[in-house]
Every structure is written in structure tokens, then in C-alpha cells.
Amino acid sequence: MIAKLRGVVDSILDDSILLEVHGICFQVFVSSRCKKSIRVGDDLVLRILHIFKQEGQTLCGFQNDEEIGIFKALLDVRGIGIKSSLSILSELSIEEIAMAVIDQDATMLCRAEGVGKKTAERILLELKGKTIPKISDIKLVGNGVIGDAILGLLSLGYKKDSIIKVVSNIAEKIGQKATTSDIIVQSLKELK
């Protein structure tokens, strides 16, 4: 089983990349978000989820363990496959997915190509009780503090999509002593 690949980007295709490792090219399916950060000729290290199915083997590449955790959790949802899971990771950041699950916000998941309202609701329902990366981090810092900061920034006219990542990053930097006002003040500095 392949767990990590280190090589040179040979080609960037529509839904995947070709990664040359010691003269062998591996086709690795990645999110659009991942593809935006790489160029042909780049040295690249990807964490790999090697998926075996009856119709063949697939390599899916990720930049970190959090992405793999979210991807595996999405694959566990009935009716969600590789394509839909990568589509969600292409459209939403890990923080946005975590907040969508916490808030049970189907509209946010529907931004991903191929994910309709019923599919989004099924994903949220099945992920609600699971411990997946970032959701546990957000709860550790204090979902109430982060939620209150997000509500405060929403009331000031900022869009939810633009503030979730900023608020999560600031709460992570400040740590468990973060207060709602600390997070809002720091967020306002970054959002200007």
C-alpha cells in the first residue's frame, strides 16, 4: 500500500496530476485547491490514500493528514464516492467543512459541484456525531467562543465564507484562552 509519494510533477490533468517518482509516473487524483498550488516541474510530497476497488486501484493525494481525515469521513457517507469527496475538498477549506458540520449548514456543502441539497443533508447527518479533524479542534477552543465571534462579524456585515477560516486560524493562534472579543479584534485586522 502506498502512503506517501515524493517526486516531480510531470503533468497536471483535469482531475489529477502525474507525479514522477524515480522514473515511474503515478496518476494521483487531487482536489482543485491542491492543483492551484503546484506547477509542472515542482518537487512535491503528497500523503496518499491508496484505494482498492473491484474496478481498479486509485491513488488520491493530499497535502496533510487533516485533508485525509476529512476525505475518509466523506467516503464513509453512504453514496459519496471519490469524485464527490474531492469536489467538496476542492470547493471548501477544511475549516469551512468543519463549520458546516457544526452548524449543519447544507447550503455551504451545496457549493461543491455535484452535491445537491439531499446529498449535503445526508453528509451533515452522518458526519454530525463523528470526530474528524478541525471539528474537534474547533470544539476544543470552544465552539461557543468561535460561534459568537462569527456571529459578531456577521452582524458587522462580513460574509460567512470569508470569516470562517480567519476566525479559526486566529482562535488556533491565541489558544484555549481565546475570548470572543480577542478573536473579533484580531479578525477585523485581517479582514480589512
C-alpha atoms as a PDB file:
ATOM      1  CA  MET A   1       0.000   0.000   0.000  1.00  0.00           C
ATOM      2  CA  ILE A   2       1.307   3.450  -0.935  1.00  0.00           C
ATOM      3  CA  ALA A   3       1.131   6.022   1.898  1.00  0.00           C
ATOM      4  CA  LYS A   4       3.332   8.879   0.620  1.00  0.00           C
ATOM      5  CA  LEU A   5       4.924   9.893  -2.673  1.00  0.00           C
ATOM      6  CA  ARG A   6       7.795  12.311  -3.232  1.00  0.00           C
ATOM      7  CA  GLY A   7       8.573  13.264  -6.803  1.00  0.00           C
ATOM      8  CA  VAL A   8       8.425  15.813  -9.605  1.00  0.00           C
ATOM      9  CA  VAL A   9       5.150  16.990 -11.133  1.00  0.00           C
ATOM     10  CA  ASP A  10       5.196  15.699 -14.727  1.00  0.00           C
ATOM     11  CA  SER A  11       1.723  16.840 -15.857  1.00  0.00           C
ATOM     12  CA  ILE A  12      -1.390  18.481 -14.491  1.00  0.00           C
ATOM     13  CA  LEU A  13      -4.591  16.911 -15.836  1.00  0.00           C
ATOM     14  CA  ASP A  14      -8.256  17.887 -15.328  1.00  0.00           C
ATOM     15  CA  ASP A  15      -8.843  15.829 -12.183  1.00  0.00           C
ATOM     16  CA  SER A  16      -5.381  14.535 -11.351  1.00  0.00           C
ATOM     17  CA  ILE A  17      -1.644  15.006 -11.690  1.00  0.00           C
ATOM     18  CA  LEU A  18       1.126  12.759 -12.939  1.00  0.00           C
ATOM     19  CA  LEU A  19       3.889  12.538 -10.360  1.00  0.00           C
ATOM     20  CA  GLU A  20       7.207  11.082 -11.494  1.00  0.00           C
ATOM     21  CA  VAL A  21       8.970   9.130  -8.775  1.00  0.00           C
ATOM     22  CA  HIS A  22      12.325   7.607  -9.768  1.00  0.00           C
ATOM     23  CA  GLY A  23      11.289   7.240 -13.408  1.00  0.00           C
ATOM     24  CA  ILE A  24       7.779   5.913 -12.703  1.00  0.00           C
ATOM     25  CA  CYS A  25       4.756   8.211 -13.235  1.00  0.00           C
ATOM     26  CA  PHE A  26       1.865   7.777 -10.829  1.00  0.00           C
ATOM     27  CA  GLN A  27      -1.558   9.236 -11.590  1.00  0.00           C
ATOM     28  CA  VAL A  28      -2.730  10.876  -8.377  1.00  0.00           C
ATOM     29  CA  PHE A  29      -6.217  12.347  -8.038  1.00  0.00           C
ATOM     30  CA  VAL A  30      -6.172  15.631  -6.115  1.00  0.00           C
ATOM     31  CA  SER A  31      -8.546  18.480  -5.299  1.00  0.00           C
ATOM     32  CA  SER A  32      -8.598  21.633  -7.433  1.00  0.00           C
ATOM     33  CA  ARG A  33      -7.408  23.513  -4.350  1.00  0.00           C
ATOM     34  CA  CYS A  34      -4.274  21.323  -4.288  1.00  0.00           C
ATOM     35  CA  LYS A  35      -3.708  21.692  -8.056  1.00  0.00           C
ATOM     36  CA  LYS A  36      -3.754  25.500  -7.795  1.00  0.00           C
ATOM     37  CA  SER A  37      -0.684  25.437  -5.558  1.00  0.00           C
ATOM     38  CA  ILE A  38       1.534  23.322  -7.842  1.00  0.00           C
ATOM     39  CA  ARG A  39       3.262  23.705 -11.215  1.00  0.00           C
ATOM     40  CA  VAL A  40       4.803  21.262 -13.685  1.00  0.00           C
ATOM     41  CA  GLY A  41       8.387  20.611 -12.585  1.00  0.00           C
ATOM     42  CA  ASP A  42       7.718  21.249  -8.879  1.00  0.00           C
ATOM     43  CA  ASP A  43       9.178  18.872  -6.313  1.00  0.00           C
ATOM     44  CA  LEU A  44       6.164  17.605  -4.430  1.00  0.00           C
ATOM     45  CA  VAL A  45       5.400  15.425  -1.425  1.00  0.00           C
ATOM     46  CA  LEU A  46       1.862  14.102  -1.110  1.00  0.00           C
ATOM     47  CA  ARG A  47       0.208  11.970   1.522  1.00  0.00           C
ATOM     48  CA  ILE A  48      -1.559   9.195  -0.370  1.00  0.00           C
ATOM     49  CA  LEU A  49      -4.746   7.289   0.246  1.00  0.00           C
ATOM     50  CA  HIS A  50      -4.441   4.110  -1.821  1.00  0.00           C
ATOM     51  CA  ILE A  51      -7.970   2.920  -2.601  1.00  0.00           C
ATOM     52  CA  PHE A  52      -8.658  -0.604  -3.808  1.00  0.00           C
ATOM     53  CA  LYS A  53     -11.955  -1.344  -5.564  1.00  0.00           C
ATOM     54  CA  GLN A  54     -13.194  -4.125  -7.780  1.00  0.00           C
ATOM     55  CA  GLU A  55     -12.762  -1.975 -10.898  1.00  0.00           C
ATOM     56  CA  GLY A  56      -9.170  -0.993 -10.023  1.00  0.00           C
ATOM     57  CA  GLN A  57      -6.857   0.963  -7.778  1.00  0.00           C
ATOM     58  CA  THR A  58      -6.882   4.725  -7.255  1.00  0.00           C
ATOM     59  CA  LEU A  59      -4.306   6.992  -5.652  1.00  0.00           C
ATOM     60  CA  CYS A  60      -5.664  10.147  -4.018  1.00  0.00           C
ATOM     61  CA  GLY A  61      -3.162  12.779  -2.877  1.00  0.00           C
ATOM     62  CA  PHE A  62      -3.382  15.241  -0.016  1.00  0.00           C
ATOM     63  CA  GLN A  63      -1.188  17.948   1.431  1.00  0.00           C
ATOM     64  CA  ASN A  64      -1.735  16.962   5.072  1.00  0.00           C
ATOM     65  CA  ASP A  65      -3.331  14.466   7.436  1.00  0.00           C
ATOM     66  CA  GLU A  66      -6.340  16.714   8.101  1.00  0.00           C
ATOM     67  CA  GLU A  67      -7.352  16.528   4.419  1.00  0.00           C
ATOM     68  CA  ILE A  68      -7.057  12.732   4.507  1.00  0.00           C
ATOM     69  CA  GLY A  69      -9.199  12.609   7.663  1.00  0.00           C
ATOM     70  CA  ILE A  70     -11.974  14.690   6.089  1.00  0.00           C
ATOM     71  CA  PHE A  71     -11.735  12.708   2.832  1.00  0.00           C
ATOM     72  CA  LYS A  72     -12.040   9.358   4.662  1.00  0.00           C
ATOM     73  CA  ALA A  73     -15.001  10.653   6.678  1.00  0.00           C
ATOM     74  CA  LEU A  74     -16.726  11.784   3.463  1.00  0.00           C
ATOM     75  CA  LEU A  75     -16.079   8.404   1.795  1.00  0.00           C
ATOM     76  CA  ASP A  76     -17.778   6.691   4.757  1.00  0.00           C
ATOM     77  CA  VAL A  77     -21.006   8.537   3.975  1.00  0.00           C
ATOM     78  CA  ARG A  78     -23.406   6.301   2.051  1.00  0.00           C
ATOM     79  CA  GLY A  79     -23.477   7.252  -1.650  1.00  0.00           C
ATOM     80  CA  ILE A  80     -20.430   9.537  -1.533  1.00  0.00           C
ATOM     81  CA  GLY A  81     -17.517   8.481  -3.697  1.00  0.00           C
ATOM     82  CA  ILE A  82     -14.061   9.708  -4.598  1.00  0.00           C
ATOM     83  CA  LYS A  83     -15.282  12.290  -7.123  1.00  0.00           C
ATOM     84  CA  SER A  84     -17.809  13.922  -4.751  1.00  0.00           C
ATOM     85  CA  SER A  85     -15.359  13.914  -1.836  1.00  0.00           C
ATOM     86  CA  LEU A  86     -12.650  15.595  -3.939  1.00  0.00           C
ATOM     87  CA  SER A  87     -15.239  18.076  -5.239  1.00  0.00           C
ATOM     88  CA  ILE A  88     -16.082  19.096  -1.665  1.00  0.00           C
ATOM     89  CA  LEU A  89     -12.378  19.460  -0.789  1.00  0.00           C
ATOM     90  CA  SER A  90     -11.915  21.493  -3.984  1.00  0.00           C
ATOM     91  CA  GLU A  91     -14.608  23.981  -3.092  1.00  0.00           C
ATOM     92  CA  LEU A  92     -14.376  24.211   0.712  1.00  0.00           C
ATOM     93  CA  SER A  93     -11.469  24.554   3.112  1.00  0.00           C
ATOM     94  CA  ILE A  94     -11.161  22.114   5.990  1.00  0.00           C
ATOM     95  CA  GLU A  95     -12.350  24.839   8.358  1.00  0.00           C
ATOM     96  CA  GLU A  96     -15.417  25.527   6.210  1.00  0.00           C
ATOM     97  CA  ILE A  97     -16.331  21.835   6.104  1.00  0.00           C
ATOM     98  CA  ALA A  98     -15.923  21.614   9.882  1.00  0.00           C
ATOM     99  CA  MET A  99     -18.100  24.673  10.459  1.00  0.00           C
ATOM    100  CA  ALA A 100     -20.734  23.368   8.003  1.00  0.00           C
ATOM    101  CA  VAL A 101     -20.929  20.156  10.038  1.00  0.00           C
ATOM    102  CA  ILE A 102     -21.076  22.005  13.358  1.00  0.00           C
ATOM    103  CA  ASP A 103     -23.739  24.432  12.047  1.00  0.00           C
ATOM    104  CA  GLN A 104     -25.494  21.714   9.964  1.00  0.00           C
ATOM    105  CA  ASP A 105     -25.270  24.143   7.017  1.00  0.00           C
ATOM    106  CA  ALA A 106     -26.274  22.204   3.873  1.00  0.00           C
ATOM    107  CA  THR A 107     -26.093  25.335   1.709  1.00  0.00           C
ATOM    108  CA  MET A 108     -22.352  25.569   2.244  1.00  0.00           C
ATOM    109  CA  LEU A 109     -21.793  21.972   1.079  1.00  0.00           C
ATOM    110  CA  CYS A 110     -24.026  22.544  -1.957  1.00  0.00           C
ATOM    111  CA  ARG A 111     -21.362  24.909  -3.330  1.00  0.00           C
ATOM    112  CA  ALA A 112     -19.373  21.804  -4.326  1.00  0.00           C
ATOM    113  CA  GLU A 113     -20.002  20.555  -7.854  1.00  0.00           C
ATOM    114  CA  GLY A 114     -22.288  17.514  -7.919  1.00  0.00           C
ATOM    115  CA  VAL A 115     -23.539  17.932  -4.343  1.00  0.00           C
ATOM    116  CA  GLY A 116     -27.257  18.625  -4.123  1.00  0.00           C
ATOM    117  CA  LYS A 117     -29.357  19.513  -1.101  1.00  0.00           C
ATOM    118  CA  LYS A 118     -30.329  15.928  -0.196  1.00  0.00           C
ATOM    119  CA  THR A 119     -26.732  14.722  -0.530  1.00  0.00           C
ATOM    120  CA  ALA A 120     -25.487  17.633   1.583  1.00  0.00           C
ATOM    121  CA  GLU A 121     -28.074  16.885   4.275  1.00  0.00           C
ATOM    122  CA  ARG A 122     -27.052  13.196   4.314  1.00  0.00           C
ATOM    123  CA  ILE A 123     -23.384  14.171   4.656  1.00  0.00           C
ATOM    124  CA  LEU A 124     -24.163  16.514   7.560  1.00  0.00           C
ATOM    125  CA  LEU A 125     -26.351  13.945   9.285  1.00  0.00           C
ATOM    126  CA  GLU A 126     -23.756  11.168   9.020  1.00  0.00           C
ATOM    127  CA  LEU A 127     -20.790  13.377   9.996  1.00  0.00           C
ATOM    128  CA  LYS A 128     -22.594  15.068  12.905  1.00  0.00           C
ATOM    129  CA  GLY A 129     -21.513  12.567  15.551  1.00  0.00           C
ATOM    130  CA  LYS A 130     -18.084  11.763  14.105  1.00  0.00           C
ATOM    131  CA  THR A 131     -14.796  13.108  15.342  1.00  0.00           C
ATOM    132  CA  ILE A 132     -12.970  14.441  12.329  1.00  0.00           C
ATOM    133  CA  PRO A 133     -10.028  16.850  12.106  1.00  0.00           C
ATOM    134  CA  LYS A 134     -10.710  20.544  12.723  1.00  0.00           C
ATOM    135  CA  ILE A 135     -14.167  19.833  14.168  1.00  0.00           C
ATOM    136  CA  SER A 136     -12.520  18.538  17.314  1.00  0.00           C
ATOM    137  CA  ASP A 137     -10.014  21.435  17.216  1.00  0.00           C
ATOM    138  CA  ILE A 138     -12.825  23.962  16.929  1.00  0.00           C
ATOM    139  CA  LYS A 139     -14.682  22.346  19.830  1.00  0.00           C
ATOM    140  CA  LEU A 140     -11.502  22.294  21.953  1.00  0.00           C
ATOM    141  CA  VAL A 141     -11.011  26.031  21.561  1.00  0.00           C
ATOM    142  CA  GLY A 142     -14.644  26.462  22.429  1.00  0.00           C
ATOM    143  CA  ASN A 143     -17.337  26.292  19.829  1.00  0.00           C
ATOM    144  CA  GLY A 144     -19.261  28.953  21.761  1.00  0.00           C
ATOM    145  CA  VAL A 145     -16.380  31.438  21.568  1.00  0.00           C
ATOM    146  CA  ILE A 146     -15.798  30.844  17.852  1.00  0.00           C
ATOM    147  CA  GLY A 147     -19.508  30.774  17.097  1.00  0.00           C
ATOM    148  CA  ASP A 148     -20.030  34.028  18.970  1.00  0.00           C
ATOM    149  CA  ALA A 149     -17.107  35.644  17.124  1.00  0.00           C
ATOM    150  CA  ILE A 150     -18.547  34.518  13.786  1.00  0.00           C
ATOM    151  CA  LEU A 151     -21.994  35.863  14.715  1.00  0.00           C
ATOM    152  CA  GLY A 152     -20.406  39.163  15.800  1.00  0.00           C
ATOM    153  CA  LEU A 153     -18.571  39.523  12.482  1.00  0.00           C
ATOM    154  CA  LEU A 154     -21.701  38.546  10.531  1.00  0.00           C
ATOM    155  CA  SER A 155     -23.612  41.310  12.308  1.00  0.00           C
ATOM    156  CA  LEU A 156     -20.927  43.741  11.118  1.00  0.00           C
ATOM    157  CA  GLY A 157     -21.683  42.770   7.517  1.00  0.00           C
ATOM    158  CA  TYR A 158     -18.886  40.295   6.750  1.00  0.00           C
ATOM    159  CA  LYS A 159     -19.759  37.209   4.710  1.00  0.00           C
ATOM    160  CA  LYS A 160     -19.635  33.835   6.492  1.00  0.00           C
ATOM    161  CA  ASP A 161     -17.452  32.252   3.800  1.00  0.00           C
ATOM    162  CA  SER A 162     -14.729  34.869   4.213  1.00  0.00           C
ATOM    163  CA  ILE A 163     -14.634  34.885   8.026  1.00  0.00           C
ATOM    164  CA  ILE A 164     -14.675  31.186   8.958  1.00  0.00           C
ATOM    165  CA  LYS A 165     -11.056  30.482   8.028  1.00  0.00           C
ATOM    166  CA  VAL A 166      -9.798  33.756   9.527  1.00  0.00           C
ATOM    167  CA  VAL A 167     -11.637  33.174  12.820  1.00  0.00           C
ATOM    168  CA  SER A 168     -10.476  29.541  13.053  1.00  0.00           C
ATOM    169  CA  ASN A 169      -6.838  30.490  12.392  1.00  0.00           C
ATOM    170  CA  ILE A 170      -6.897  33.310  14.949  1.00  0.00           C
ATOM    171  CA  ALA A 171      -8.565  31.119  17.592  1.00  0.00           C
ATOM    172  CA  GLU A 172      -5.890  28.485  16.970  1.00  0.00           C
ATOM    173  CA  LYS A 173      -3.085  31.069  17.332  1.00  0.00           C
ATOM    174  CA  ILE A 174      -4.491  32.527  20.543  1.00  0.00           C
ATOM    175  CA  GLY A 175      -5.240  29.111  22.024  1.00  0.00           C
ATOM    176  CA  GLN A 176      -7.715  27.985  24.635  1.00  0.00           C
ATOM    177  CA  LYS A 177      -7.594  31.331  26.447  1.00  0.00           C
ATOM    178  CA  ALA A 178      -9.224  32.999  23.425  1.00  0.00           C
ATOM    179  CA  THR A 179     -12.202  35.212  24.179  1.00  0.00           C
ATOM    180  CA  THR A 180     -14.840  36.298  21.710  1.00  0.00           C
ATOM    181  CA  SER A 181     -13.621  39.908  21.782  1.00  0.00           C
ATOM    182  CA  ASP A 182      -9.965  38.846  21.256  1.00  0.00           C
ATOM    183  CA  ILE A 183     -10.959  36.846  18.188  1.00  0.00           C
ATOM    184  CA  ILE A 184     -13.153  39.630  16.770  1.00  0.00           C
ATOM    185  CA  VAL A 185     -10.467  42.312  17.234  1.00  0.00           C
ATOM    186  CA  GLN A 186      -7.767  40.185  15.560  1.00  0.00           C
ATOM    187  CA  SER A 187     -10.180  39.125  12.786  1.00  0.00           C
ATOM    188  CA  LEU A 188     -11.057  42.726  11.994  1.00  0.00           C
ATOM    189  CA  LYS A 189      -7.357  43.482  11.497  1.00  0.00           C
ATOM    190  CA  GLU A 190      -7.015  40.632   8.981  1.00  0.00           C
ATOM    191  CA  LEU A 191     -10.321  41.220   7.182  1.00  0.00           C
ATOM    192  CA  LYS A 192      -9.608  44.886   6.319  1.00  0.00           C
END
